[in-house]
Amino acid sequence: MKLPRIDSDKMLHILKKKGFIVVRQSGSHMIMRNDEGIRITLPCHSGKILHPKIVKRIMEDAELSEEDL
């Protein structure tokens, strides 16, 4: 499975559509949570593409599919 190359702004938009909200921010990392209590840490470095391993981990934790991206 080849993951799409996306930046943190796009991932933030996708997670918000899936019901995640920003709970707090620690430096350049946003801590997000949904109603089920699932917590996601999203690194936010403006203009930089997220590493594929980070995208894969966020997809697993947030139960996202490739279609969601």
C-alpha atoms as a PDB file:
ATOM      1  CA  MET A   1       0.000   0.000   0.000  1.00  0.00           C
ATOM      2  CA  LYS A   2       1.534   3.297  -1.094  1.00  0.00           C
ATOM      3  CA  LEU A   3       0.377   6.172   1.066  1.00  0.00           C
ATOM      4  CA  PRO A   4      -0.284   9.619  -0.358  1.00  0.00           C
ATOM      5  CA  ARG A   5       2.186  12.388   0.487  1.00  0.00           C
ATOM      6  CA  ILE A   6       0.266  14.947   2.520  1.00  0.00           C
ATOM      7  CA  ASP A   7       1.165  17.808   4.822  1.00  0.00           C
ATOM      8  CA  SER A   8      -0.066  18.467   8.345  1.00  0.00           C
ATOM      9  CA  ASP A   9      -2.675  21.037   7.203  1.00  0.00           C
ATOM     10  CA  LYS A  10      -4.397  18.443   4.993  1.00  0.00           C
ATOM     11  CA  MET A  11      -4.227  15.802   7.766  1.00  0.00           C
ATOM     12  CA  LEU A  12      -5.685  18.313  10.244  1.00  0.00           C
ATOM     13  CA  HIS A  13      -8.601  18.954   7.867  1.00  0.00           C
ATOM     14  CA  ILE A  14      -9.217  15.195   7.448  1.00  0.00           C
ATOM     15  CA  LEU A  15      -9.126  14.551  11.198  1.00  0.00           C
ATOM     16  CA  LYS A  16     -11.520  17.432  11.908  1.00  0.00           C
ATOM     17  CA  LYS A  17     -13.970  15.992   9.343  1.00  0.00           C
ATOM     18  CA  LYS A  18     -13.773  12.671  11.224  1.00  0.00           C
ATOM     19  CA  GLY A  19     -14.772  14.317  14.511  1.00  0.00           C
ATOM     20  CA  PHE A  20     -11.402  15.048  16.112  1.00  0.00           C
ATOM     21  CA  ILE A  21     -10.888  18.366  17.888  1.00  0.00           C
ATOM     22  CA  VAL A  22      -7.694  20.064  19.030  1.00  0.00           C
ATOM     23  CA  VAL A  23      -7.459  19.645  22.797  1.00  0.00           C
ATOM     24  CA  ARG A  24      -4.111  21.375  23.280  1.00  0.00           C
ATOM     25  CA  GLN A  25      -0.839  22.126  21.572  1.00  0.00           C
ATOM     26  CA  SER A  26       2.638  21.359  22.841  1.00  0.00           C
ATOM     27  CA  GLY A  27       5.214  23.195  20.746  1.00  0.00           C
ATOM     28  CA  SER A  28       4.744  22.102  17.147  1.00  0.00           C
ATOM     29  CA  HIS A  29       2.525  19.123  18.018  1.00  0.00           C
ATOM     30  CA  MET A  30      -1.275  19.275  18.180  1.00  0.00           C
ATOM     31  CA  ILE A  31      -2.979  16.866  20.536  1.00  0.00           C
ATOM     32  CA  MET A  32      -6.393  15.892  19.154  1.00  0.00           C
ATOM     33  CA  ARG A  33      -9.188  13.778  20.613  1.00  0.00           C
ATOM     34  CA  ASN A  34     -12.562  12.517  19.422  1.00  0.00           C
ATOM     35  CA  ASP A  35     -15.769  11.624  21.291  1.00  0.00           C
ATOM     36  CA  GLU A  36     -14.604   8.025  21.783  1.00  0.00           C
ATOM     37  CA  GLY A  37     -11.472   9.227  23.595  1.00  0.00           C
ATOM     38  CA  ILE A  38      -9.019   8.283  20.848  1.00  0.00           C
ATOM     39  CA  ARG A  39      -6.011  10.597  21.050  1.00  0.00           C
ATOM     40  CA  ILE A  40      -3.874  11.608  18.068  1.00  0.00           C
ATOM     41  CA  THR A  41      -0.653  13.615  18.115  1.00  0.00           C
ATOM     42  CA  LEU A  42      -0.176  15.559  14.891  1.00  0.00           C
ATOM     43  CA  PRO A  43       3.189  17.217  14.176  1.00  0.00           C
ATOM     44  CA  CYS A  44       2.534  20.617  12.581  1.00  0.00           C
ATOM     45  CA  HIS A  45       5.533  21.878  10.638  1.00  0.00           C
ATOM     46  CA  SER A  46       4.249  24.370   8.094  1.00  0.00           C
ATOM     47  CA  GLY A  47       4.812  23.373   4.482  1.00  0.00           C
ATOM     48  CA  LYS A  48       6.528  20.063   5.276  1.00  0.00           C
ATOM     49  CA  ILE A  49       5.227  16.705   4.105  1.00  0.00           C
ATOM     50  CA  LEU A  50       4.467  14.175   6.851  1.00  0.00           C
ATOM     51  CA  HIS A  51       6.662  11.089   6.874  1.00  0.00           C
ATOM     52  CA  PRO A  52       4.794   8.016   5.534  1.00  0.00           C
ATOM     53  CA  LYS A  53       5.282   6.180   8.862  1.00  0.00           C
ATOM     54  CA  ILE A  54       3.572   9.040  10.703  1.00  0.00           C
ATOM     55  CA  VAL A  55       0.697   9.045   8.188  1.00  0.00           C
ATOM     56  CA  LYS A  56       0.310   5.271   8.582  1.00  0.00           C
ATOM     57  CA  ARG A  57       0.301   5.485  12.385  1.00  0.00           C
ATOM     58  CA  ILE A  58      -2.289   8.295  12.407  1.00  0.00           C
ATOM     59  CA  MET A  59      -4.455   6.290   9.978  1.00  0.00           C
ATOM     60  CA  GLU A  60      -4.289   3.233  12.267  1.00  0.00           C
ATOM     61  CA  ASP A  61      -4.981   5.208  15.451  1.00  0.00           C
ATOM     62  CA  ALA A  62      -7.835   7.251  13.940  1.00  0.00           C
ATOM     63  CA  GLU A  63      -9.233   4.244  12.031  1.00  0.00           C
ATOM     64  CA  LEU A  64      -8.934   6.054   8.689  1.00  0.00           C
ATOM     65  CA  SER A  65      -8.970   4.299   5.335  1.00  0.00           C
ATOM     66  CA  GLU A  66      -7.136   5.243   2.151  1.00  0.00           C
ATOM     67  CA  GLU A  67     -10.412   6.632   0.788  1.00  0.00           C
ATOM     68  CA  ASP A  68     -10.531   9.104   3.693  1.00  0.00           C
ATOM     69  CA  LEU A  69      -7.270  10.619   2.493  1.00  0.00           C
END
